Amino acid sequence: MITYQNIYSGIVTVIAVTMLFSCQGNLNQVRALDQQADSPQTIGEEMFLKYTDSGRVVATLKSPKMLDFTNLEFPYREFPEGVKVEFFDEDNNKNTVTANYAIIYDGPGLIDLQGDVVLVTSDSTKLEADQLFWDQSLAWVFTDKANTIRFANGARNDGQGFDSDLNFSNFRSRTNVGIQVIEEKNK
């Protein structure tokens, strides 16, 4: 025998199930409304990442905090509390770069390092700058800011702007003062 209580509980059950299924389809839309347009999709803390190629570590990245904005139309990742990156070549020689702030733009493959930027190559060449841009696709570094480069042979360059390959073998300085070491060859 069907009672009003059975009919009532059946109707309530059907309405509840319908509401649950209709809400599930809109869950992503509700989440998008909740998230501000300029907020990161992910926040990472105490980051330590290893990049490998065919099982060999090619780079490590350490940072206290990373904000991931790769959900935006112009995707990027920001390191507001600084970054330390170590790069290893095929012979396991290490190059290190540190900065107080960094931002990686995914599309153009450009990295912007700012604040007490220090790059030390495996041959002890040391670059200090206020800001340094690194074009990953061209393996090229450049800046228009003040910088100091101390080369392994004792040469020193204080300048305002330069661009170079990552090994500093193709180096162009815009304005500079420095000490150059020139070796004489006996004939």
N, C-alpha and C. Protein backbone atom coordinates (compact mmCIF):
# COMPACT_ATOMS: atom_id res chain seq x y z
N MET A 1 0.83 -1.16 0.00
CA MET A 1 0.00 0.00 0.00
C MET A 1 0.89 1.25 0.00
N ILE A 2 0.59 2.14 -0.91
CA ILE A 2 1.36 3.37 -1.05
C ILE A 2 0.68 4.45 -0.22
N THR A 3 1.50 5.08 0.63
CA THR A 3 0.97 6.14 1.49
C THR A 3 1.51 7.49 1.03
N TYR A 4 0.92 8.52 1.60
CA TYR A 4 1.41 9.86 1.27
C TYR A 4 2.86 10.05 1.70
N GLN A 5 3.25 9.39 2.76
CA GLN A 5 4.64 9.49 3.23
C GLN A 5 5.58 8.86 2.22
N ASN A 6 5.24 7.74 1.60
CA ASN A 6 6.06 7.10 0.58
C ASN A 6 6.18 7.99 -0.65
N ILE A 7 5.04 8.60 -1.06
CA ILE A 7 5.06 9.49 -2.22
C ILE A 7 5.92 10.72 -1.92
N TYR A 8 5.73 11.28 -0.73
CA TYR A 8 6.50 12.47 -0.34
C TYR A 8 8.00 12.17 -0.31
N SER A 9 8.43 11.06 0.29
CA SER A 9 9.86 10.72 0.36
C SER A 9 10.41 10.40 -1.02
N GLY A 10 9.60 9.83 -1.89
CA GLY A 10 10.02 9.56 -3.26
C GLY A 10 10.27 10.84 -4.04
N ILE A 11 9.36 11.81 -3.88
CA ILE A 11 9.52 13.10 -4.56
C ILE A 11 10.76 13.82 -4.04
N VAL A 12 10.95 13.82 -2.74
CA VAL A 12 12.13 14.46 -2.15
C VAL A 12 13.40 13.79 -2.67
N THR A 13 13.44 12.50 -2.77
CA THR A 13 14.61 11.77 -3.26
C THR A 13 14.89 12.12 -4.71
N VAL A 14 13.86 12.17 -5.55
CA VAL A 14 14.04 12.50 -6.97
C VAL A 14 14.57 13.93 -7.11
N ILE A 15 14.04 14.88 -6.35
CA ILE A 15 14.50 16.27 -6.40
C ILE A 15 15.95 16.38 -5.94
N ALA A 16 16.29 15.68 -4.86
CA ALA A 16 17.67 15.73 -4.34
C ALA A 16 18.66 15.16 -5.35
N VAL A 17 18.33 14.03 -5.96
CA VAL A 17 19.21 13.40 -6.95
C VAL A 17 19.35 14.31 -8.17
N THR A 18 18.26 14.91 -8.61
CA THR A 18 18.29 15.83 -9.76
C THR A 18 19.19 17.02 -9.47
N MET A 19 19.07 17.57 -8.28
CA MET A 19 19.91 18.72 -7.90
C MET A 19 21.39 18.34 -7.88
N LEU A 20 21.71 17.19 -7.36
CA LEU A 20 23.10 16.76 -7.30
C LEU A 20 23.69 16.60 -8.70
N PHE A 21 22.96 15.97 -9.61
CA PHE A 21 23.48 15.78 -10.96
C PHE A 21 23.55 17.09 -11.73
N SER A 22 22.61 17.98 -11.54
CA SER A 22 22.65 19.26 -12.25
C SER A 22 23.78 20.13 -11.71
N CYS A 23 24.08 20.06 -10.44
CA CYS A 23 25.18 20.85 -9.86
C CYS A 23 26.54 20.32 -10.31
N GLN A 24 26.65 19.01 -10.50
CA GLN A 24 27.93 18.43 -10.87
C GLN A 24 28.42 18.98 -12.21
N GLY A 25 27.54 19.16 -13.16
CA GLY A 25 27.92 19.69 -14.47
C GLY A 25 28.41 21.12 -14.40
N ASN A 26 27.97 21.88 -13.44
CA ASN A 26 28.34 23.29 -13.31
C ASN A 26 29.47 23.51 -12.30
N LEU A 27 30.05 22.45 -11.77
CA LEU A 27 31.06 22.59 -10.73
C LEU A 27 32.27 23.40 -11.21
N ASN A 28 32.74 23.15 -12.43
CA ASN A 28 33.87 23.92 -12.96
C ASN A 28 33.52 25.38 -13.14
N GLN A 29 32.27 25.65 -13.54
CA GLN A 29 31.85 27.04 -13.67
C GLN A 29 31.79 27.73 -12.32
N VAL A 30 31.35 27.04 -11.30
CA VAL A 30 31.29 27.61 -9.95
C VAL A 30 32.69 27.87 -9.44
N ARG A 31 33.61 26.94 -9.67
CA ARG A 31 35.00 27.14 -9.25
C ARG A 31 35.63 28.33 -9.97
N ALA A 32 35.33 28.49 -11.25
CA ALA A 32 35.88 29.62 -12.02
C ALA A 32 35.36 30.94 -11.46
N LEU A 33 34.11 30.98 -11.04
CA LEU A 33 33.56 32.20 -10.44
C LEU A 33 34.23 32.51 -9.11
N ASP A 34 34.55 31.46 -8.36
CA ASP A 34 35.18 31.63 -7.06
C ASP A 34 36.62 32.12 -7.18
N GLN A 35 37.33 31.73 -8.24
CA GLN A 35 38.73 32.10 -8.42
C GLN A 35 38.83 33.45 -9.11
N GLN A 36 39.60 34.35 -8.52
CA GLN A 36 39.80 35.67 -9.12
C GLN A 36 40.63 35.52 -10.38
N ALA A 37 40.41 36.42 -11.33
CA ALA A 37 41.07 36.33 -12.63
C ALA A 37 42.59 36.44 -12.52
N ASP A 38 43.08 37.15 -11.52
CA ASP A 38 44.53 37.36 -11.41
C ASP A 38 45.17 36.50 -10.32
N SER A 39 44.47 35.51 -9.83
CA SER A 39 45.05 34.67 -8.79
C SER A 39 45.70 33.43 -9.40
N PRO A 40 46.75 32.91 -8.75
CA PRO A 40 47.43 31.73 -9.31
C PRO A 40 46.55 30.49 -9.22
N GLN A 41 46.77 29.58 -10.15
CA GLN A 41 46.03 28.32 -10.09
C GLN A 41 46.67 27.38 -9.07
N THR A 42 47.97 27.58 -8.81
CA THR A 42 48.69 26.74 -7.85
C THR A 42 49.71 27.59 -7.11
N ILE A 43 49.92 27.29 -5.83
CA ILE A 43 50.97 27.92 -5.05
C ILE A 43 51.83 26.79 -4.49
N GLY A 44 53.13 26.84 -4.78
CA GLY A 44 54.05 25.83 -4.27
C GLY A 44 54.97 26.45 -3.24
N GLU A 45 55.24 25.74 -2.17
CA GLU A 45 56.14 26.24 -1.13
C GLU A 45 57.27 25.24 -0.92
N GLU A 46 58.44 25.81 -0.59
CA GLU A 46 59.66 25.01 -0.37
C GLU A 46 59.90 24.07 -1.55
N MET A 47 59.99 24.66 -2.73
CA MET A 47 60.14 23.91 -3.98
C MET A 47 61.57 23.39 -4.14
N PHE A 48 61.69 22.17 -4.58
CA PHE A 48 62.96 21.60 -5.02
C PHE A 48 62.64 20.69 -6.20
N LEU A 49 62.96 21.17 -7.40
CA LEU A 49 62.64 20.43 -8.62
C LEU A 49 63.91 19.95 -9.29
N LYS A 50 63.86 18.77 -9.87
CA LYS A 50 64.96 18.23 -10.66
C LYS A 50 64.47 18.03 -12.08
N TYR A 51 65.23 18.56 -13.04
CA TYR A 51 64.93 18.37 -14.45
C TYR A 51 65.92 17.35 -14.99
N THR A 52 65.39 16.33 -15.65
CA THR A 52 66.25 15.27 -16.17
C THR A 52 66.07 15.13 -17.67
N ASP A 53 67.11 14.59 -18.29
CA ASP A 53 67.07 14.26 -19.72
C ASP A 53 67.73 12.90 -19.87
N SER A 54 66.98 11.92 -20.28
CA SER A 54 67.47 10.55 -20.43
C SER A 54 68.09 10.03 -19.14
N GLY A 55 67.48 10.35 -18.01
CA GLY A 55 67.95 9.87 -16.72
C GLY A 55 69.05 10.69 -16.09
N ARG A 56 69.60 11.67 -16.81
CA ARG A 56 70.68 12.52 -16.29
C ARG A 56 70.09 13.83 -15.80
N VAL A 57 70.46 14.26 -14.58
CA VAL A 57 70.00 15.53 -14.04
C VAL A 57 70.67 16.66 -14.83
N VAL A 58 69.85 17.52 -15.45
CA VAL A 58 70.38 18.64 -16.22
C VAL A 58 70.21 19.96 -15.48
N ALA A 59 69.29 20.00 -14.50
CA ALA A 59 69.09 21.23 -13.74
C ALA A 59 68.33 20.92 -12.45
N THR A 60 68.57 21.74 -11.44
CA THR A 60 67.77 21.71 -10.22
C THR A 60 67.29 23.13 -9.94
N LEU A 61 66.14 23.26 -9.34
CA LEU A 61 65.58 24.55 -8.99
C LEU A 61 65.11 24.51 -7.55
N LYS A 62 65.53 25.52 -6.77
CA LYS A 62 65.09 25.63 -5.38
C LYS A 62 64.47 27.01 -5.20
N SER A 63 63.33 27.04 -4.51
CA SER A 63 62.67 28.31 -4.24
C SER A 63 61.75 28.16 -3.04
N PRO A 64 61.67 29.19 -2.19
CA PRO A 64 60.73 29.13 -1.07
C PRO A 64 59.26 29.16 -1.51
N LYS A 65 58.99 29.80 -2.68
CA LYS A 65 57.59 29.93 -3.09
C LYS A 65 57.49 30.10 -4.60
N MET A 66 56.50 29.43 -5.19
CA MET A 66 56.21 29.57 -6.62
C MET A 66 54.71 29.81 -6.78
N LEU A 67 54.38 30.79 -7.62
CA LEU A 67 52.99 31.06 -7.99
C LEU A 67 52.82 30.67 -9.45
N ASP A 68 51.89 29.78 -9.73
CA ASP A 68 51.69 29.24 -11.07
C ASP A 68 50.49 29.92 -11.73
N PHE A 69 50.78 30.73 -12.74
CA PHE A 69 49.73 31.44 -13.49
C PHE A 69 49.62 30.87 -14.91
N THR A 70 49.91 29.60 -15.08
CA THR A 70 49.86 29.00 -16.41
C THR A 70 48.43 28.79 -16.91
N ASN A 71 47.44 29.13 -16.09
CA ASN A 71 46.04 29.06 -16.49
C ASN A 71 45.61 30.32 -17.25
N LEU A 72 46.44 31.34 -17.30
CA LEU A 72 46.09 32.59 -17.96
C LEU A 72 46.38 32.53 -19.46
N GLU A 73 45.89 33.50 -20.18
CA GLU A 73 46.10 33.55 -21.63
C GLU A 73 47.59 33.71 -21.96
N PHE A 74 48.33 34.48 -21.14
CA PHE A 74 49.78 34.62 -21.28
C PHE A 74 50.40 33.93 -20.06
N PRO A 75 50.67 32.62 -20.16
CA PRO A 75 51.07 31.83 -18.98
C PRO A 75 52.47 32.16 -18.47
N TYR A 76 52.60 32.13 -17.14
CA TYR A 76 53.91 32.35 -16.51
C TYR A 76 53.92 31.75 -15.11
N ARG A 77 55.13 31.58 -14.58
CA ARG A 77 55.35 31.14 -13.21
C ARG A 77 56.22 32.18 -12.51
N GLU A 78 55.85 32.54 -11.30
CA GLU A 78 56.54 33.61 -10.57
C GLU A 78 57.16 33.04 -9.30
N PHE A 79 58.36 33.50 -8.99
CA PHE A 79 59.08 33.10 -7.78
C PHE A 79 59.35 34.37 -6.97
N PRO A 80 58.37 34.82 -6.17
CA PRO A 80 58.47 36.13 -5.51
C PRO A 80 59.49 36.18 -4.37
N GLU A 81 59.91 35.04 -3.86
CA GLU A 81 60.86 35.02 -2.74
C GLU A 81 62.24 34.52 -3.15
N GLY A 82 62.51 34.54 -4.43
CA GLY A 82 63.83 34.18 -4.92
C GLY A 82 63.91 32.78 -5.48
N VAL A 83 65.08 32.53 -6.11
CA VAL A 83 65.28 31.25 -6.78
C VAL A 83 66.78 30.95 -6.84
N LYS A 84 67.10 29.67 -6.81
CA LYS A 84 68.47 29.19 -7.06
C LYS A 84 68.35 28.04 -8.06
N VAL A 85 69.06 28.19 -9.18
CA VAL A 85 69.02 27.17 -10.22
C VAL A 85 70.44 26.70 -10.51
N GLU A 86 70.63 25.40 -10.58
CA GLU A 86 71.92 24.81 -10.94
C GLU A 86 71.74 24.05 -12.25
N PHE A 87 72.67 24.29 -13.19
CA PHE A 87 72.64 23.63 -14.50
C PHE A 87 73.86 22.74 -14.63
N PHE A 88 73.67 21.57 -15.20
CA PHE A 88 74.76 20.62 -15.37
C PHE A 88 74.90 20.27 -16.85
N ASP A 89 76.13 20.37 -17.38
CA ASP A 89 76.35 20.02 -18.78
C ASP A 89 76.63 18.52 -18.89
N GLU A 90 76.98 18.06 -20.09
CA GLU A 90 77.21 16.63 -20.33
C GLU A 90 78.36 16.08 -19.50
N ASP A 91 79.34 16.95 -19.14
CA ASP A 91 80.48 16.53 -18.32
C ASP A 91 80.22 16.75 -16.83
N ASN A 92 78.98 17.06 -16.47
CA ASN A 92 78.55 17.31 -15.10
C ASN A 92 79.17 18.57 -14.50
N ASN A 93 79.62 19.52 -15.35
CA ASN A 93 80.07 20.82 -14.87
C ASN A 93 78.84 21.63 -14.46
N LYS A 94 78.95 22.35 -13.35
CA LYS A 94 77.79 23.05 -12.79
C LYS A 94 77.89 24.56 -12.97
N ASN A 95 76.81 25.16 -13.45
CA ASN A 95 76.63 26.60 -13.49
C ASN A 95 75.48 26.91 -12.53
N THR A 96 75.59 28.01 -11.78
CA THR A 96 74.59 28.35 -10.77
C THR A 96 74.12 29.78 -10.97
N VAL A 97 72.83 30.01 -10.82
CA VAL A 97 72.28 31.36 -10.84
C VAL A 97 71.33 31.52 -9.65
N THR A 98 71.44 32.68 -8.97
CA THR A 98 70.55 33.00 -7.87
C THR A 98 69.98 34.40 -8.11
N ALA A 99 68.77 34.64 -7.62
CA ALA A 99 68.14 35.95 -7.74
C ALA A 99 67.09 36.08 -6.64
N ASN A 100 66.78 37.33 -6.27
CA ASN A 100 65.76 37.58 -5.26
C ASN A 100 64.34 37.40 -5.79
N TYR A 101 64.19 37.44 -7.11
CA TYR A 101 62.88 37.34 -7.74
C TYR A 101 63.08 36.76 -9.13
N ALA A 102 62.14 35.95 -9.59
CA ALA A 102 62.21 35.42 -10.95
C ALA A 102 60.82 35.21 -11.49
N ILE A 103 60.72 35.31 -12.81
CA ILE A 103 59.47 35.02 -13.49
C ILE A 103 59.81 34.32 -14.81
N ILE A 104 59.11 33.23 -15.08
CA ILE A 104 59.34 32.44 -16.28
C ILE A 104 58.10 32.57 -17.17
N TYR A 105 58.30 33.13 -18.36
CA TYR A 105 57.21 33.26 -19.33
C TYR A 105 57.26 32.04 -20.25
N ASP A 106 56.22 31.22 -20.19
CA ASP A 106 56.20 29.96 -20.93
C ASP A 106 56.22 30.14 -22.44
N GLY A 107 55.38 31.02 -22.96
CA GLY A 107 55.25 31.19 -24.41
C GLY A 107 56.56 31.52 -25.09
N PRO A 108 57.17 32.66 -24.75
CA PRO A 108 58.42 33.03 -25.42
C PRO A 108 59.66 32.32 -24.87
N GLY A 109 59.52 31.58 -23.76
CA GLY A 109 60.68 30.90 -23.19
C GLY A 109 61.68 31.86 -22.58
N LEU A 110 61.18 32.95 -22.01
CA LEU A 110 62.04 34.00 -21.45
C LEU A 110 61.97 33.95 -19.93
N ILE A 111 63.14 34.07 -19.30
CA ILE A 111 63.21 34.12 -17.84
C ILE A 111 63.73 35.49 -17.44
N ASP A 112 63.05 36.14 -16.52
CA ASP A 112 63.43 37.46 -16.00
C ASP A 112 63.87 37.28 -14.56
N LEU A 113 65.16 37.51 -14.30
CA LEU A 113 65.73 37.40 -12.96
C LEU A 113 65.99 38.81 -12.45
N GLN A 114 65.60 39.09 -11.20
CA GLN A 114 65.75 40.44 -10.67
C GLN A 114 66.26 40.41 -9.23
N GLY A 115 67.03 41.45 -8.88
CA GLY A 115 67.47 41.65 -7.51
C GLY A 115 68.64 40.77 -7.13
N ASP A 116 69.81 41.36 -7.03
CA ASP A 116 71.02 40.63 -6.62
C ASP A 116 71.22 39.35 -7.43
N VAL A 117 71.15 39.46 -8.73
CA VAL A 117 71.34 38.31 -9.61
C VAL A 117 72.83 37.96 -9.65
N VAL A 118 73.14 36.71 -9.39
CA VAL A 118 74.52 36.22 -9.44
C VAL A 118 74.53 34.94 -10.26
N LEU A 119 75.36 34.93 -11.31
CA LEU A 119 75.53 33.76 -12.14
C LEU A 119 77.00 33.36 -12.07
N VAL A 120 77.26 32.12 -11.70
CA VAL A 120 78.62 31.60 -11.61
C VAL A 120 78.72 30.40 -12.54
N THR A 121 79.65 30.47 -13.51
CA THR A 121 79.82 29.37 -14.45
C THR A 121 80.81 28.35 -13.88
N SER A 122 80.89 27.22 -14.53
CA SER A 122 81.77 26.15 -14.05
C SER A 122 83.24 26.52 -14.12
N ASP A 123 83.61 27.50 -14.96
CA ASP A 123 85.02 27.93 -15.02
C ASP A 123 85.29 29.13 -14.11
N SER A 124 84.36 29.42 -13.18
CA SER A 124 84.48 30.49 -12.18
C SER A 124 84.22 31.89 -12.71
N THR A 125 83.71 32.05 -13.91
CA THR A 125 83.27 33.36 -14.36
C THR A 125 82.05 33.73 -13.52
N LYS A 126 82.06 34.98 -13.00
CA LYS A 126 80.98 35.40 -12.11
C LYS A 126 80.35 36.69 -12.63
N LEU A 127 79.06 36.67 -12.80
CA LEU A 127 78.29 37.83 -13.25
C LEU A 127 77.41 38.28 -12.08
N GLU A 128 77.42 39.58 -11.82
CA GLU A 128 76.52 40.17 -10.83
C GLU A 128 75.75 41.29 -11.52
N ALA A 129 74.43 41.30 -11.36
CA ALA A 129 73.60 42.30 -12.04
C ALA A 129 72.34 42.56 -11.22
N ASP A 130 71.71 43.69 -11.51
CA ASP A 130 70.43 44.00 -10.88
C ASP A 130 69.30 43.22 -11.54
N GLN A 131 69.45 42.97 -12.84
CA GLN A 131 68.44 42.23 -13.59
C GLN A 131 69.13 41.50 -14.73
N LEU A 132 68.63 40.32 -15.05
CA LEU A 132 69.19 39.53 -16.13
C LEU A 132 68.04 38.79 -16.83
N PHE A 133 68.01 38.89 -18.14
CA PHE A 133 67.05 38.14 -18.94
C PHE A 133 67.77 36.95 -19.56
N TRP A 134 67.05 35.84 -19.66
CA TRP A 134 67.63 34.63 -20.21
C TRP A 134 66.65 34.07 -21.23
N ASP A 135 67.08 34.06 -22.48
CA ASP A 135 66.27 33.50 -23.56
C ASP A 135 66.65 32.03 -23.69
N GLN A 136 65.76 31.16 -23.24
CA GLN A 136 66.05 29.73 -23.22
C GLN A 136 66.19 29.14 -24.63
N SER A 137 65.38 29.61 -25.56
CA SER A 137 65.42 29.04 -26.91
C SER A 137 66.72 29.38 -27.63
N LEU A 138 67.28 30.56 -27.38
CA LEU A 138 68.54 30.96 -28.02
C LEU A 138 69.76 30.69 -27.14
N ALA A 139 69.56 30.25 -25.89
CA ALA A 139 70.65 30.05 -24.93
C ALA A 139 71.47 31.34 -24.82
N TRP A 140 70.77 32.44 -24.57
CA TRP A 140 71.36 33.78 -24.59
C TRP A 140 70.94 34.54 -23.35
N VAL A 141 71.88 35.28 -22.72
CA VAL A 141 71.57 36.12 -21.57
C VAL A 141 71.85 37.57 -21.93
N PHE A 142 71.06 38.49 -21.34
CA PHE A 142 71.26 39.90 -21.65
C PHE A 142 70.64 40.78 -20.57
N THR A 143 71.11 42.02 -20.50
CA THR A 143 70.56 43.02 -19.59
C THR A 143 70.89 44.41 -20.09
N ASP A 144 70.10 45.38 -19.67
CA ASP A 144 70.40 46.79 -19.90
C ASP A 144 70.79 47.47 -18.60
N LYS A 145 70.85 46.74 -17.52
CA LYS A 145 71.16 47.27 -16.20
C LYS A 145 72.66 47.19 -15.92
N ALA A 146 73.05 47.84 -14.82
CA ALA A 146 74.45 47.80 -14.38
C ALA A 146 74.83 46.35 -14.05
N ASN A 147 76.09 45.99 -14.38
CA ASN A 147 76.55 44.63 -14.13
C ASN A 147 78.06 44.59 -13.99
N THR A 148 78.52 43.56 -13.33
CA THR A 148 79.96 43.31 -13.17
C THR A 148 80.21 41.86 -13.53
N ILE A 149 81.23 41.65 -14.37
CA ILE A 149 81.62 40.28 -14.74
C ILE A 149 83.08 40.11 -14.39
N ARG A 150 83.38 39.06 -13.65
CA ARG A 150 84.75 38.69 -13.31
C ARG A 150 85.04 37.37 -14.02
N PHE A 151 85.97 37.43 -14.95
CA PHE A 151 86.31 36.24 -15.73
C PHE A 151 87.34 35.39 -14.99
N ALA A 152 87.43 34.14 -15.35
CA ALA A 152 88.34 33.19 -14.68
C ALA A 152 89.80 33.59 -14.83
N ASN A 153 90.16 34.30 -15.91
CA ASN A 153 91.56 34.68 -16.13
C ASN A 153 91.95 35.96 -15.39
N GLY A 154 91.03 36.52 -14.59
CA GLY A 154 91.33 37.72 -13.83
C GLY A 154 90.78 38.99 -14.46
N ALA A 155 90.29 38.93 -15.66
CA ALA A 155 89.72 40.10 -16.31
C ALA A 155 88.42 40.49 -15.60
N ARG A 156 88.11 41.77 -15.67
CA ARG A 156 86.91 42.29 -15.01
C ARG A 156 86.24 43.29 -15.95
N ASN A 157 84.92 43.28 -15.93
CA ASN A 157 84.16 44.19 -16.77
C ASN A 157 83.02 44.78 -15.94
N ASP A 158 83.01 46.11 -15.78
CA ASP A 158 81.89 46.82 -15.15
C ASP A 158 81.18 47.56 -16.26
N GLY A 159 79.91 47.31 -16.42
CA GLY A 159 79.23 47.91 -17.56
C GLY A 159 77.78 48.21 -17.31
N GLN A 160 77.19 48.80 -18.31
CA GLN A 160 75.77 49.11 -18.34
C GLN A 160 75.20 48.40 -19.57
N GLY A 161 74.77 47.17 -19.39
CA GLY A 161 74.18 46.40 -20.47
C GLY A 161 75.17 45.52 -21.21
N PHE A 162 74.74 44.32 -21.54
CA PHE A 162 75.52 43.38 -22.33
C PHE A 162 74.58 42.29 -22.83
N ASP A 163 75.08 41.51 -23.76
CA ASP A 163 74.42 40.27 -24.14
C ASP A 163 75.50 39.24 -24.47
N SER A 164 75.18 37.97 -24.24
CA SER A 164 76.19 36.92 -24.38
C SER A 164 75.52 35.56 -24.49
N ASP A 165 76.31 34.60 -25.02
CA ASP A 165 75.87 33.21 -24.94
C ASP A 165 76.09 32.75 -23.49
N LEU A 166 75.63 31.57 -23.17
CA LEU A 166 75.70 31.10 -21.79
C LEU A 166 77.13 30.84 -21.30
N ASN A 167 78.06 30.60 -22.22
CA ASN A 167 79.45 30.35 -21.83
C ASN A 167 80.30 31.61 -21.79
N PHE A 168 79.71 32.76 -22.13
CA PHE A 168 80.41 34.04 -22.22
C PHE A 168 81.54 34.00 -23.25
N SER A 169 81.43 33.13 -24.22
CA SER A 169 82.44 33.09 -25.28
C SER A 169 82.10 34.07 -26.41
N ASN A 170 80.84 34.45 -26.53
CA ASN A 170 80.41 35.45 -27.51
C ASN A 170 79.76 36.58 -26.71
N PHE A 171 80.58 37.47 -26.19
CA PHE A 171 80.17 38.49 -25.24
C PHE A 171 80.21 39.87 -25.88
N ARG A 172 79.13 40.64 -25.75
CA ARG A 172 79.08 42.01 -26.27
C ARG A 172 78.65 42.94 -25.15
N SER A 173 79.49 43.92 -24.85
CA SER A 173 79.19 44.88 -23.80
C SER A 173 78.84 46.22 -24.44
N ARG A 174 77.85 46.90 -23.90
CA ARG A 174 77.45 48.19 -24.49
C ARG A 174 78.35 49.32 -24.01
N THR A 175 78.40 49.56 -22.73
CA THR A 175 79.33 50.54 -22.16
C THR A 175 80.03 49.87 -21.00
N ASN A 176 81.34 49.99 -20.96
CA ASN A 176 82.03 49.30 -19.89
C ASN A 176 83.37 49.93 -19.56
N VAL A 177 83.81 49.60 -18.36
CA VAL A 177 85.14 49.92 -17.88
C VAL A 177 85.64 48.63 -17.27
N GLY A 178 86.88 48.28 -17.55
CA GLY A 178 87.35 47.03 -16.99
C GLY A 178 88.82 46.80 -17.16
N ILE A 179 89.22 45.66 -16.72
CA ILE A 179 90.61 45.21 -16.82
C ILE A 179 90.59 43.97 -17.70
N GLN A 180 91.37 44.03 -18.77
CA GLN A 180 91.44 42.90 -19.68
C GLN A 180 92.82 42.26 -19.59
N VAL A 181 92.87 40.98 -19.61
CA VAL A 181 94.13 40.25 -19.57
C VAL A 181 94.45 39.81 -21.00
N ILE A 182 95.61 40.27 -21.49
CA ILE A 182 96.03 39.96 -22.85
C ILE A 182 97.32 39.16 -22.75
N GLU A 183 97.31 37.99 -23.34
CA GLU A 183 98.51 37.16 -23.33
C GLU A 183 99.32 37.40 -24.58
N GLU A 184 100.63 37.63 -24.39
CA GLU A 184 101.54 37.79 -25.54
C GLU A 184 102.04 36.42 -25.95
N LYS A 185 102.16 36.25 -27.23
CA LYS A 185 102.70 35.00 -27.74
C LYS A 185 104.04 35.32 -28.38
N ASN A 186 105.06 34.55 -28.02
CA ASN A 186 106.40 34.71 -28.61
C ASN A 186 106.42 34.08 -29.99
N LYS A 187 107.08 34.81 -30.93
CA LYS A 187 107.16 34.29 -32.29
C LYS A 187 108.38 33.47 -32.50
